[in-house]
Amino acid sequence: MKRIDPSRIKDSFINVSTFPADLGEGRSAAPDAALLDAVVEAVEKKNGFAVVYGVNKLLAARGLDLHTESGAALARDYLEGIFRAIAPRFDLARYSPTPVAYDRVAKMDVDGFNKNRNFTPNSDHTESREFVTTKCVHFDSATPFIANLYGPNQNISGGMPMICDTRRFCQDKGLDPRALIENIPNNYNVAVKAEFSEEILRDYSFALKLDLENDIVMIVLHNEVVGGLAHAATQPSLTDASKAAKRPIRHVEYQVAGSDDLKRWYDYYGLSLEKASNHKEDANITRFVRGELNPYPNIIEVRA
């Protein structure tokens, strides 16, 4: 039985170009109050997520091109500024199942197709390493709300972002959310266990068909395992095998104050906190870093 109601889901689609905007210097611009209200309401009161799109129209109306380095940077900074503006409005103690101190909001720019090299996170408790982004059904660790900014892609087919209603799955099954997840080898994210993934992907998940070649789309998620939603992606591939490709993602999250807080979060879920090293091709982690196992019977299109 499908648990996906497209009409309800679309309540969380927010076209940023329909709100007044002063792009200013990106993050320094003050987002419209009604826009902030709409994002918070979508995340807290509606579906646990918001899909914010249409920044390409904001740029075009000002004679700016999203496909230039400066245009894309301005768009990302503006969307990130929306998340930073709503961040103080979330009561983190209410959404954290165990006491954890969050002391900042930080961003990370990554490539969701190629290996990320010489990557230095904005964190005091993890070290720089090479990694490939996670595409299985997963949660980012120890951060109750996140934003992922996707696009503009170059020479990419597939790679559709997926949202997985693990909150409803646990409610329907009477499952303690702490039993839902497991460690991802050599990774700080945590994955939904294989025994639950197939049903969640089939009946509780949907892929978002977005114009990620010509727009940058921000997905804001209630990311805590208890009470929140997981996310994933379908497998990206080269549209033209003879050309290079990019799948840029900016990840914005609350970060814990230190390693003790991070360990406290892992301990609550009965998971181990182990140091991750550079990515290695390993059959044991194929299902975690590749999305070919993610069927997407529920595709919902977001149109500008």
C-alpha atoms as a PDB file:
ATOM      1  CA  MET A   1       0.000   0.000   0.000  1.00  0.00           C
ATOM      2  CA  LYS A   2       1.446   3.346  -1.052  1.00  0.00           C
ATOM      3  CA  ARG A   3       1.891   5.898   1.721  1.00  0.00           C
ATOM      4  CA  ILE A   4       2.598   8.793  -0.638  1.00  0.00           C
ATOM      5  CA  ASP A   5       0.020  11.559  -1.080  1.00  0.00           C
ATOM      6  CA  PRO A   6       1.321  13.886  -3.833  1.00  0.00           C
ATOM      7  CA  SER A   7      -1.162  16.644  -3.028  1.00  0.00           C
ATOM      8  CA  ARG A   8      -0.020  16.736   0.603  1.00  0.00           C
ATOM      9  CA  ILE A   9       3.645  16.599  -0.348  1.00  0.00           C
ATOM     10  CA  LYS A  10       3.290  19.561  -2.692  1.00  0.00           C
ATOM     11  CA  ASP A  11       2.240  21.685   0.289  1.00  0.00           C
ATOM     12  CA  SER A  12       5.948  21.772   1.105  1.00  0.00           C
ATOM     13  CA  PHE A  13       7.047  23.085  -2.323  1.00  0.00           C
ATOM     14  CA  ILE A  14       8.022  26.757  -2.040  1.00  0.00           C
ATOM     15  CA  ASN A  15       8.768  28.851  -5.128  1.00  0.00           C
ATOM     16  CA  VAL A  16      11.209  31.432  -3.814  1.00  0.00           C
ATOM     17  CA  SER A  17      10.675  33.644  -6.883  1.00  0.00           C
ATOM     18  CA  THR A  18       7.114  34.420  -5.739  1.00  0.00           C
ATOM     19  CA  PHE A  19       8.403  36.241  -2.643  1.00  0.00           C
ATOM     20  CA  PRO A  20      10.054  39.670  -2.520  1.00  0.00           C
ATOM     21  CA  ALA A  21      13.831  39.296  -2.534  1.00  0.00           C
ATOM     22  CA  ASP A  22      16.876  41.464  -2.048  1.00  0.00           C
ATOM     23  CA  LEU A  23      19.764  39.287  -3.141  1.00  0.00           C
ATOM     24  CA  GLY A  24      22.254  41.825  -1.825  1.00  0.00           C
ATOM     25  CA  GLU A  25      25.438  39.951  -1.071  1.00  0.00           C
ATOM     26  CA  GLY A  26      23.856  36.533  -0.798  1.00  0.00           C
ATOM     27  CA  ARG A  27      23.893  35.422   2.826  1.00  0.00           C
ATOM     28  CA  SER A  28      23.971  39.008   4.026  1.00  0.00           C
ATOM     29  CA  ALA A  29      20.606  39.735   2.383  1.00  0.00           C
ATOM     30  CA  ALA A  30      17.590  39.611   4.685  1.00  0.00           C
ATOM     31  CA  PRO A  31      15.111  37.004   3.365  1.00  0.00           C
ATOM     32  CA  ASP A  32      11.436  37.937   3.242  1.00  0.00           C
ATOM     33  CA  ALA A  33       9.646  37.193   6.531  1.00  0.00           C
ATOM     34  CA  ALA A  34       6.747  35.436   4.788  1.00  0.00           C
ATOM     35  CA  LEU A  35       9.208  33.165   2.984  1.00  0.00           C
ATOM     36  CA  LEU A  36      10.854  32.216   6.269  1.00  0.00           C
ATOM     37  CA  ASP A  37       7.454  31.516   7.811  1.00  0.00           C
ATOM     38  CA  ALA A  38       6.556  29.259   4.872  1.00  0.00           C
ATOM     39  CA  VAL A  39       9.747  27.205   5.196  1.00  0.00           C
ATOM     40  CA  VAL A  40       9.387  26.767   8.951  1.00  0.00           C
ATOM     41  CA  GLU A  41       5.718  25.808   8.638  1.00  0.00           C
ATOM     42  CA  ALA A  42       6.495  23.228   5.943  1.00  0.00           C
ATOM     43  CA  VAL A  43       9.210  21.621   8.059  1.00  0.00           C
ATOM     44  CA  GLU A  44       7.595  21.788  11.506  1.00  0.00           C
ATOM     45  CA  LYS A  45       3.852  21.641  10.845  1.00  0.00           C
ATOM     46  CA  LYS A  46       3.345  19.969   7.484  1.00  0.00           C
ATOM     47  CA  ASN A  47       5.601  17.245   6.144  1.00  0.00           C
ATOM     48  CA  GLY A  48       8.969  17.514   7.868  1.00  0.00           C
ATOM     49  CA  PHE A  49      10.624  19.055   4.820  1.00  0.00           C
ATOM     50  CA  ALA A  50      10.579  22.031   2.464  1.00  0.00           C
ATOM     51  CA  VAL A  51      11.636  22.140  -1.190  1.00  0.00           C
ATOM     52  CA  VAL A  52      12.719  25.692  -2.049  1.00  0.00           C
ATOM     53  CA  TYR A  53      13.155  26.309  -5.777  1.00  0.00           C
ATOM     54  CA  GLY A  54      13.001  29.086  -8.379  1.00  0.00           C
ATOM     55  CA  VAL A  55      16.162  31.012  -7.456  1.00  0.00           C
ATOM     56  CA  ASN A  56      17.066  30.947 -11.171  1.00  0.00           C
ATOM     57  CA  LYS A  57      14.118  33.263 -11.823  1.00  0.00           C
ATOM     58  CA  LEU A  58      15.300  35.678  -9.138  1.00  0.00           C
ATOM     59  CA  LEU A  59      18.671  35.903 -10.850  1.00  0.00           C
ATOM     60  CA  ALA A  60      17.246  36.151 -14.361  1.00  0.00           C
ATOM     61  CA  ALA A  61      14.995  39.049 -13.320  1.00  0.00           C
ATOM     62  CA  ARG A  62      18.166  40.918 -12.320  1.00  0.00           C
ATOM     63  CA  GLY A  63      20.080  40.069 -15.489  1.00  0.00           C
ATOM     64  CA  LEU A  64      22.229  37.457 -13.720  1.00  0.00           C
ATOM     65  CA  ASP A  65      23.096  33.989 -15.012  1.00  0.00           C
ATOM     66  CA  LEU A  66      22.945  30.963 -12.718  1.00  0.00           C
ATOM     67  CA  HIS A  67      25.457  29.174 -14.953  1.00  0.00           C
ATOM     68  CA  THR A  68      28.240  31.633 -14.200  1.00  0.00           C
ATOM     69  CA  GLU A  69      30.449  31.106 -11.170  1.00  0.00           C
ATOM     70  CA  SER A  70      29.345  34.400  -9.632  1.00  0.00           C
ATOM     71  CA  GLY A  71      25.661  33.759 -10.316  1.00  0.00           C
ATOM     72  CA  ALA A  72      25.720  30.272  -8.802  1.00  0.00           C
ATOM     73  CA  ALA A  73      27.658  31.542  -5.782  1.00  0.00           C
ATOM     74  CA  LEU A  74      25.130  34.314  -5.183  1.00  0.00           C
ATOM     75  CA  ALA A  75      22.209  31.884  -5.500  1.00  0.00           C
ATOM     76  CA  ARG A  76      23.756  29.389  -3.076  1.00  0.00           C
ATOM     77  CA  ASP A  77      24.560  32.076  -0.561  1.00  0.00           C
ATOM     78  CA  TYR A  78      21.018  33.438  -0.758  1.00  0.00           C
ATOM     79  CA  LEU A  79      19.468  30.013  -0.167  1.00  0.00           C
ATOM     80  CA  GLU A  80      21.933  29.260   2.619  1.00  0.00           C
ATOM     81  CA  GLY A  81      20.950  32.580   4.160  1.00  0.00           C
ATOM     82  CA  ILE A  82      17.337  31.394   4.313  1.00  0.00           C
ATOM     83  CA  PHE A  83      18.388  28.351   6.331  1.00  0.00           C
ATOM     84  CA  ARG A  84      20.591  30.437   8.613  1.00  0.00           C
ATOM     85  CA  ALA A  85      17.695  32.850   9.173  1.00  0.00           C
ATOM     86  CA  ILE A  86      15.292  30.085  10.235  1.00  0.00           C
ATOM     87  CA  ALA A  87      17.883  28.158  12.284  1.00  0.00           C
ATOM     88  CA  PRO A  88      17.328  30.121  15.532  1.00  0.00           C
ATOM     89  CA  ARG A  89      13.586  29.449  15.319  1.00  0.00           C
ATOM     90  CA  PHE A  90      13.913  25.705  15.892  1.00  0.00           C
ATOM     91  CA  ASP A  91      13.861  24.566  19.513  1.00  0.00           C
ATOM     92  CA  LEU A  92      16.747  22.123  19.299  1.00  0.00           C
ATOM     93  CA  ALA A  93      16.170  20.718  22.787  1.00  0.00           C
ATOM     94  CA  ARG A  94      12.674  19.707  21.701  1.00  0.00           C
ATOM     95  CA  TYR A  95      13.991  17.801  18.685  1.00  0.00           C
ATOM     96  CA  SER A  96      17.088  16.223  20.227  1.00  0.00           C
ATOM     97  CA  PRO A  97      16.289  12.865  21.891  1.00  0.00           C
ATOM     98  CA  THR A  98      19.418  13.090  24.022  1.00  0.00           C
ATOM     99  CA  PRO A  99      21.176  16.196  25.407  1.00  0.00           C
ATOM    100  CA  VAL A 100      23.551  17.465  22.733  1.00  0.00           C
ATOM    101  CA  ALA A 101      25.073  20.940  22.456  1.00  0.00           C
ATOM    102  CA  TYR A 102      24.938  22.544  19.008  1.00  0.00           C
ATOM    103  CA  ASP A 103      27.084  25.642  18.734  1.00  0.00           C
ATOM    104  CA  ARG A 104      27.080  26.673  15.078  1.00  0.00           C
ATOM    105  CA  VAL A 105      25.592  26.358  11.621  1.00  0.00           C
ATOM    106  CA  ALA A 106      28.199  25.366   9.041  1.00  0.00           C
ATOM    107  CA  LYS A 107      28.300  24.647   5.317  1.00  0.00           C
ATOM    108  CA  MET A 108      30.220  22.171   3.178  1.00  0.00           C
ATOM    109  CA  ASP A 109      30.489  22.271  -0.621  1.00  0.00           C
ATOM    110  CA  VAL A 110      30.837  18.814  -2.166  1.00  0.00           C
ATOM    111  CA  ASP A 111      30.442  17.003  -5.466  1.00  0.00           C
ATOM    112  CA  GLY A 112      27.710  14.375  -5.424  1.00  0.00           C
ATOM    113  CA  PHE A 113      29.108  12.482  -8.421  1.00  0.00           C
ATOM    114  CA  ASN A 114      32.901  12.595  -8.241  1.00  0.00           C
ATOM    115  CA  LYS A 115      35.193  11.769  -5.357  1.00  0.00           C
ATOM    116  CA  ASN A 116      35.762  14.730  -3.061  1.00  0.00           C
ATOM    117  CA  ARG A 117      39.490  15.246  -2.529  1.00  0.00           C
ATOM    118  CA  ASN A 118      41.361  17.263   0.097  1.00  0.00           C
ATOM    119  CA  PHE A 119      38.051  18.051   1.733  1.00  0.00           C
ATOM    120  CA  THR A 120      38.230  19.957   4.993  1.00  0.00           C
ATOM    121  CA  PRO A 121      34.955  20.035   6.932  1.00  0.00           C
ATOM    122  CA  ASN A 122      33.886  22.948   9.091  1.00  0.00           C
ATOM    123  CA  SER A 123      34.234  20.908  12.236  1.00  0.00           C
ATOM    124  CA  ASP A 124      36.531  20.483  15.208  1.00  0.00           C
ATOM    125  CA  HIS A 125      35.922  16.763  15.561  1.00  0.00           C
ATOM    126  CA  THR A 126      36.457  15.261  12.087  1.00  0.00           C
ATOM    127  CA  GLU A 127      39.543  15.400   9.907  1.00  0.00           C
ATOM    128  CA  SER A 128      40.004  16.122   6.221  1.00  0.00           C
ATOM    129  CA  ARG A 129      39.576  13.049   4.022  1.00  0.00           C
ATOM    130  CA  GLU A 130      38.540  11.868   0.585  1.00  0.00           C
ATOM    131  CA  PHE A 131      34.955  10.666   0.363  1.00  0.00           C
ATOM    132  CA  VAL A 132      32.023   9.897  -1.914  1.00  0.00           C
ATOM    133  CA  THR A 133      28.582  11.172  -0.967  1.00  0.00           C
ATOM    134  CA  THR A 134      26.087   8.743   0.521  1.00  0.00           C
ATOM    135  CA  LYS A 135      23.085   7.850  -1.658  1.00  0.00           C
ATOM    136  CA  CYS A 136      21.384   5.055   0.301  1.00  0.00           C
ATOM    137  CA  VAL A 137      18.512   5.839   2.678  1.00  0.00           C
ATOM    138  CA  HIS A 138      20.333   7.644   5.455  1.00  0.00           C
ATOM    139  CA  PHE A 139      20.456  10.378   8.080  1.00  0.00           C
ATOM    140  CA  ASP A 140      23.302  12.805   8.634  1.00  0.00           C
ATOM    141  CA  SER A 141      24.605  12.234  12.125  1.00  0.00           C
ATOM    142  CA  ALA A 142      23.987  14.507  15.103  1.00  0.00           C
ATOM    143  CA  THR A 143      22.243  17.376  13.341  1.00  0.00           C
ATOM    144  CA  PRO A 144      18.470  17.770  13.812  1.00  0.00           C
ATOM    145  CA  PHE A 145      17.843  20.026  10.802  1.00  0.00           C
ATOM    146  CA  ILE A 146      19.786  20.235   7.565  1.00  0.00           C
ATOM    147  CA  ALA A 147      19.633  21.883   4.168  1.00  0.00           C
ATOM    148  CA  ASN A 148      20.990  20.356   0.967  1.00  0.00           C
ATOM    149  CA  LEU A 149      21.372  22.635  -2.050  1.00  0.00           C
ATOM    150  CA  TYR A 150      21.473  20.772  -5.376  1.00  0.00           C
ATOM    151  CA  GLY A 151      22.612  22.137  -8.755  1.00  0.00           C
ATOM    152  CA  PRO A 152      23.293  23.351 -11.289  1.00  0.00           C
ATOM    153  CA  ASN A 153      24.331  19.928 -12.598  1.00  0.00           C
ATOM    154  CA  GLN A 154      26.579  19.461 -15.598  1.00  0.00           C
ATOM    155  CA  ASN A 155      26.305  16.346 -17.808  1.00  0.00           C
ATOM    156  CA  ILE A 156      24.344  14.396 -15.183  1.00  0.00           C
ATOM    157  CA  SER A 157      21.401  12.058 -15.697  1.00  0.00           C
ATOM    158  CA  GLY A 158      19.520  10.682 -12.700  1.00  0.00           C
ATOM    159  CA  GLY A 159      20.734  11.662  -9.272  1.00  0.00           C
ATOM    160  CA  MET A 160      17.243  12.673  -8.194  1.00  0.00           C
ATOM    161  CA  PRO A 161      17.013  13.618  -4.512  1.00  0.00           C
ATOM    162  CA  MET A 162      14.736  11.316  -2.531  1.00  0.00           C
ATOM    163  CA  ILE A 163      12.826  11.968   0.680  1.00  0.00           C
ATOM    164  CA  CYS A 164      11.925   8.980   2.837  1.00  0.00           C
ATOM    165  CA  ASP A 165       9.140   9.174   5.405  1.00  0.00           C
ATOM    166  CA  THR A 166      10.802   7.015   8.033  1.00  0.00           C
ATOM    167  CA  ARG A 167       8.771   8.822  10.679  1.00  0.00           C
ATOM    168  CA  ARG A 168       5.522   7.362   9.352  1.00  0.00           C
ATOM    169  CA  PHE A 169       7.173   4.000   8.688  1.00  0.00           C
ATOM    170  CA  CYS A 170       8.167   3.688  12.346  1.00  0.00           C
ATOM    171  CA  GLN A 171       4.702   4.774  13.457  1.00  0.00           C
ATOM    172  CA  ASP A 172       2.968   2.276  11.171  1.00  0.00           C
ATOM    173  CA  LYS A 173       5.237  -0.581  12.221  1.00  0.00           C
ATOM    174  CA  GLY A 174       5.419   0.267  15.920  1.00  0.00           C
ATOM    175  CA  LEU A 175       9.198   0.409  15.509  1.00  0.00           C
ATOM    176  CA  ASP A 176      11.510   2.205  17.905  1.00  0.00           C
ATOM    177  CA  PRO A 177      13.480   4.582  15.621  1.00  0.00           C
ATOM    178  CA  ARG A 178      16.650   3.588  17.429  1.00  0.00           C
ATOM    179  CA  ALA A 179      16.279   0.127  15.845  1.00  0.00           C
ATOM    180  CA  LEU A 180      16.005   1.645  12.359  1.00  0.00           C
ATOM    181  CA  ILE A 181      19.633   2.537  11.667  1.00  0.00           C
ATOM    182  CA  GLU A 182      23.156   1.176  11.449  1.00  0.00           C
ATOM    183  CA  ASN A 183      26.646   2.543  10.919  1.00  0.00           C
ATOM    184  CA  ILE A 184      27.873   3.137   7.387  1.00  0.00           C
ATOM    185  CA  PRO A 185      31.389   1.701   7.050  1.00  0.00           C
ATOM    186  CA  ASN A 186      34.061   4.403   6.893  1.00  0.00           C
ATOM    187  CA  ASN A 187      31.465   7.179   7.063  1.00  0.00           C
ATOM    188  CA  TYR A 188      29.931   9.450   9.690  1.00  0.00           C
ATOM    189  CA  ASN A 189      26.396   9.231   8.291  1.00  0.00           C
ATOM    190  CA  VAL A 190      24.062   6.465   9.428  1.00  0.00           C
ATOM    191  CA  ALA A 191      21.959   4.249   7.158  1.00  0.00           C
ATOM    192  CA  VAL A 192      18.548   2.683   7.436  1.00  0.00           C
ATOM    193  CA  LYS A 193      19.100  -1.054   7.892  1.00  0.00           C
ATOM    194  CA  ALA A 194      18.813  -3.233   4.803  1.00  0.00           C
ATOM    195  CA  GLU A 195      15.888  -5.156   6.302  1.00  0.00           C
ATOM    196  CA  PHE A 196      13.759  -1.981   6.237  1.00  0.00           C
ATOM    197  CA  SER A 197      15.090  -0.224   3.154  1.00  0.00           C
ATOM    198  CA  GLU A 198      13.117  -2.033   0.449  1.00  0.00           C
ATOM    199  CA  GLU A 199       9.715  -1.322   1.978  1.00  0.00           C
ATOM    200  CA  ILE A 200      10.626   2.265   2.822  1.00  0.00           C
ATOM    201  CA  LEU A 201      11.836   2.899  -0.733  1.00  0.00           C
ATOM    202  CA  ARG A 202       8.767   1.258  -2.229  1.00  0.00           C
ATOM    203  CA  ASP A 203       5.991   2.652  -0.044  1.00  0.00           C
ATOM    204  CA  TYR A 204       7.317   5.574   1.995  1.00  0.00           C
ATOM    205  CA  SER A 205       9.688   7.407  -0.374  1.00  0.00           C
ATOM    206  CA  PHE A 206       9.537   9.635  -3.405  1.00  0.00           C
ATOM    207  CA  ALA A 207      12.056  11.007  -5.860  1.00  0.00           C
ATOM    208  CA  LEU A 208      11.936  14.665  -6.818  1.00  0.00           C
ATOM    209  CA  LYS A 209      12.147  15.431 -10.516  1.00  0.00           C
ATOM    210  CA  LEU A 210      13.801  18.846 -10.523  1.00  0.00           C
ATOM    211  CA  ASP A 211      15.379  21.047 -13.158  1.00  0.00           C
ATOM    212  CA  LEU A 212      18.814  20.758 -11.622  1.00  0.00           C
ATOM    213  CA  GLU A 213      20.608  21.856 -14.784  1.00  0.00           C
ATOM    214  CA  ASN A 214      18.992  25.287 -14.665  1.00  0.00           C
ATOM    215  CA  ASP A 215      18.138  25.867 -11.011  1.00  0.00           C
ATOM    216  CA  ILE A 216      19.560  25.401  -7.537  1.00  0.00           C
ATOM    217  CA  VAL A 217      17.053  23.729  -5.239  1.00  0.00           C
ATOM    218  CA  MET A 218      17.306  23.697  -1.447  1.00  0.00           C
ATOM    219  CA  ILE A 219      15.726  20.844   0.489  1.00  0.00           C
ATOM    220  CA  VAL A 220      15.341  21.543   4.204  1.00  0.00           C
ATOM    221  CA  LEU A 221      14.798  18.422   6.310  1.00  0.00           C
ATOM    222  CA  HIS A 222      13.944  17.504   9.868  1.00  0.00           C
ATOM    223  CA  ASN A 223      16.886  15.113   9.953  1.00  0.00           C
ATOM    224  CA  GLU A 224      16.775  13.604  13.471  1.00  0.00           C
ATOM    225  CA  VAL A 225      16.247   9.815  13.443  1.00  0.00           C
ATOM    226  CA  VAL A 226      13.589  10.093  16.161  1.00  0.00           C
ATOM    227  CA  GLY A 227      10.702  11.969  14.587  1.00  0.00           C
ATOM    228  CA  GLY A 228      12.446  13.028  11.389  1.00  0.00           C
ATOM    229  CA  LEU A 229      12.857  11.946   7.780  1.00  0.00           C
ATOM    230  CA  ALA A 230      15.673  10.143   5.995  1.00  0.00           C
ATOM    231  CA  HIS A 231      16.920  11.040   2.533  1.00  0.00           C
ATOM    232  CA  ALA A 232      18.633   9.352  -0.405  1.00  0.00           C
ATOM    233  CA  ALA A 233      19.304   9.785  -4.115  1.00  0.00           C
ATOM    234  CA  THR A 234      18.847   7.792  -7.274  1.00  0.00           C
ATOM    235  CA  GLN A 235      22.040   6.835  -9.046  1.00  0.00           C
ATOM    236  CA  PRO A 236      23.593   9.682 -11.060  1.00  0.00           C
ATOM    237  CA  SER A 237      25.280   8.838 -14.350  1.00  0.00           C
ATOM    238  CA  LEU A 238      27.016  10.606 -17.226  1.00  0.00           C
ATOM    239  CA  THR A 239      24.676  11.941 -19.879  1.00  0.00           C
ATOM    240  CA  ASP A 240      27.594  12.004 -22.327  1.00  0.00           C
ATOM    241  CA  ALA A 241      30.287   9.497 -21.415  1.00  0.00           C
ATOM    242  CA  SER A 242      32.931  11.508 -23.287  1.00  0.00           C
ATOM    243  CA  LYS A 243      32.523  14.613 -21.122  1.00  0.00           C
ATOM    244  CA  ALA A 244      33.230  15.501 -17.512  1.00  0.00           C
ATOM    245  CA  ALA A 245      30.392  15.964 -15.051  1.00  0.00           C
ATOM    246  CA  LYS A 246      29.598  17.862 -11.877  1.00  0.00           C
ATOM    247  CA  ARG A 247      26.804  17.371  -9.357  1.00  0.00           C
ATOM    248  CA  PRO A 248      27.388  20.224  -6.884  1.00  0.00           C
ATOM    249  CA  ILE A 249      25.802  20.022  -3.458  1.00  0.00           C
ATOM    250  CA  ARG A 250      26.065  22.503  -0.608  1.00  0.00           C
ATOM    251  CA  HIS A 251      25.272  20.909   2.724  1.00  0.00           C
ATOM    252  CA  VAL A 252      24.301  23.176   5.614  1.00  0.00           C
ATOM    253  CA  GLU A 253      23.815  21.816   9.126  1.00  0.00           C
ATOM    254  CA  TYR A 254      23.885  22.450  12.839  1.00  0.00           C
ATOM    255  CA  GLN A 255      27.144  21.163  14.273  1.00  0.00           C
ATOM    256  CA  VAL A 256      27.849  19.824  17.726  1.00  0.00           C
ATOM    257  CA  ALA A 257      30.200  21.636  20.040  1.00  0.00           C
ATOM    258  CA  GLY A 258      32.714  18.811  20.325  1.00  0.00           C
ATOM    259  CA  SER A 259      33.510  15.119  20.041  1.00  0.00           C
ATOM    260  CA  ASP A 260      31.850  14.315  23.386  1.00  0.00           C
ATOM    261  CA  ASP A 261      28.526  15.587  22.063  1.00  0.00           C
ATOM    262  CA  LEU A 262      28.972  13.596  18.866  1.00  0.00           C
ATOM    263  CA  LYS A 263      29.697  10.423  20.821  1.00  0.00           C
ATOM    264  CA  ARG A 264      26.682  11.028  23.064  1.00  0.00           C
ATOM    265  CA  TRP A 265      24.465  11.058  19.967  1.00  0.00           C
ATOM    266  CA  TYR A 266      25.951   7.807  18.647  1.00  0.00           C
ATOM    267  CA  ASP A 267      25.668   6.191  22.076  1.00  0.00           C
ATOM    268  CA  TYR A 268      21.959   7.047  22.251  1.00  0.00           C
ATOM    269  CA  TYR A 269      21.377   5.090  19.059  1.00  0.00           C
ATOM    270  CA  GLY A 270      23.595   2.201  20.139  1.00  0.00           C
ATOM    271  CA  LEU A 271      26.106   2.893  17.378  1.00  0.00           C
ATOM    272  CA  SER A 272      29.874   3.108  17.391  1.00  0.00           C
ATOM    273  CA  LEU A 273      31.760   6.292  16.582  1.00  0.00           C
ATOM    274  CA  GLU A 274      34.791   5.331  14.558  1.00  0.00           C
ATOM    275  CA  LYS A 275      37.230   7.542  12.709  1.00  0.00           C
ATOM    276  CA  ALA A 276      36.599   7.571   8.961  1.00  0.00           C
ATOM    277  CA  SER A 277      39.505   7.565   6.527  1.00  0.00           C
ATOM    278  CA  ASN A 278      39.866   8.143   2.788  1.00  0.00           C
ATOM    279  CA  HIS A 279      37.285   6.469   0.581  1.00  0.00           C
ATOM    280  CA  LYS A 280      38.216   3.051  -0.798  1.00  0.00           C
ATOM    281  CA  GLU A 281      36.313   1.079  -3.408  1.00  0.00           C
ATOM    282  CA  ASP A 282      34.869  -1.757  -1.368  1.00  0.00           C
ATOM    283  CA  ALA A 283      32.009  -4.096  -2.187  1.00  0.00           C
ATOM    284  CA  ASN A 284      30.856  -3.886   1.445  1.00  0.00           C
ATOM    285  CA  ILE A 285      29.899  -0.232   1.070  1.00  0.00           C
ATOM    286  CA  THR A 286      28.485  -0.326  -2.462  1.00  0.00           C
ATOM    287  CA  ARG A 287      24.880  -0.073  -1.320  1.00  0.00           C
ATOM    288  CA  PHE A 288      25.692   2.902   0.868  1.00  0.00           C
ATOM    289  CA  VAL A 289      27.435   5.136  -1.664  1.00  0.00           C
ATOM    290  CA  ARG A 290      25.610   4.140  -4.849  1.00  0.00           C
ATOM    291  CA  GLY A 291      21.934   4.626  -5.584  1.00  0.00           C
ATOM    292  CA  GLU A 292      21.280   1.920  -8.156  1.00  0.00           C
ATOM    293  CA  LEU A 293      19.483  -0.096  -5.493  1.00  0.00           C
ATOM    294  CA  ASN A 294      17.027   2.758  -4.884  1.00  0.00           C
ATOM    295  CA  PRO A 295      13.869   2.084  -6.900  1.00  0.00           C
ATOM    296  CA  TYR A 296      11.707   5.148  -7.371  1.00  0.00           C
ATOM    297  CA  PRO A 297       8.124   4.135  -8.101  1.00  0.00           C
ATOM    298  CA  ASN A 298       6.954   7.482  -6.751  1.00  0.00           C
ATOM    299  CA  ILE A 299       8.271  10.410  -8.799  1.00  0.00           C
ATOM    300  CA  ILE A 300       6.972  13.891  -8.059  1.00  0.00           C
ATOM    301  CA  GLU A 301       7.851  16.709 -10.417  1.00  0.00           C
ATOM    302  CA  VAL A 302       8.606  20.196  -9.176  1.00  0.00           C
ATOM    303  CA  ARG A 303       7.831  22.780 -11.840  1.00  0.00           C
ATOM    304  CA  ALA A 304       8.842  26.413 -11.721  1.00  0.00           C
END
